C-alpha cells in the first residue's frame, strides 16, 4: 500500500516504475539530438 490515496492505479508501483523508465528514456533520446 505505497499509494493509499491513489485508487485510479490498480498496478500502483509497477505502473509508476514503467512511467518513470519511459520518461527517462524520452529524456535520454532528447539529449541525444
Protein backbone atom coordinates (compact mmCIF):
# COMPACT_ATOMS: atom_id res chain seq x y z
CA UNK A 1 0.00 0.00 0.00
CA UNK A 2 2.50 2.58 -1.16
CA UNK A 3 -0.19 4.85 -2.54
CA UNK A 4 -3.23 4.75 -0.23
CA UNK A 5 -4.75 7.84 -1.86
CA UNK A 6 -4.43 6.57 -5.45
CA UNK A 7 -7.26 4.23 -6.40
CA UNK A 8 -7.03 5.00 -10.12
CA UNK A 9 -3.92 2.84 -10.49
CA UNK A 10 -4.52 -0.84 -9.63
CA UNK A 11 -0.93 -1.76 -10.53
CA UNK A 12 0.41 1.13 -8.45
CA UNK A 13 4.20 0.60 -8.12
CA UNK A 14 4.68 -1.30 -11.40
CA UNK A 15 2.90 1.36 -13.45
CA UNK A 16 4.83 4.12 -11.70
CA UNK A 17 8.15 2.43 -12.45
CA UNK A 18 7.13 1.87 -16.07
CA UNK A 19 6.18 5.52 -16.44
CA UNK A 20 9.45 6.56 -14.85
CA UNK A 21 11.50 4.40 -17.21
CA UNK A 22 9.61 5.74 -20.22
CA UNK A 23 10.26 9.30 -19.09
CA UNK A 24 13.95 8.65 -18.51
CA UNK A 25 14.28 7.09 -21.96
CA UNK A 26 12.47 10.03 -23.56
CA UNK A 27 14.84 12.50 -21.87
CA UNK A 28 17.79 10.37 -22.99
CA UNK A 29 16.60 10.47 -26.60
CA UNK A 30 16.08 14.23 -26.42
CA UNK A 31 19.61 14.72 -25.11
CA UNK A 32 20.99 12.66 -28.00
CA UNK A 33 19.88 15.27 -30.55
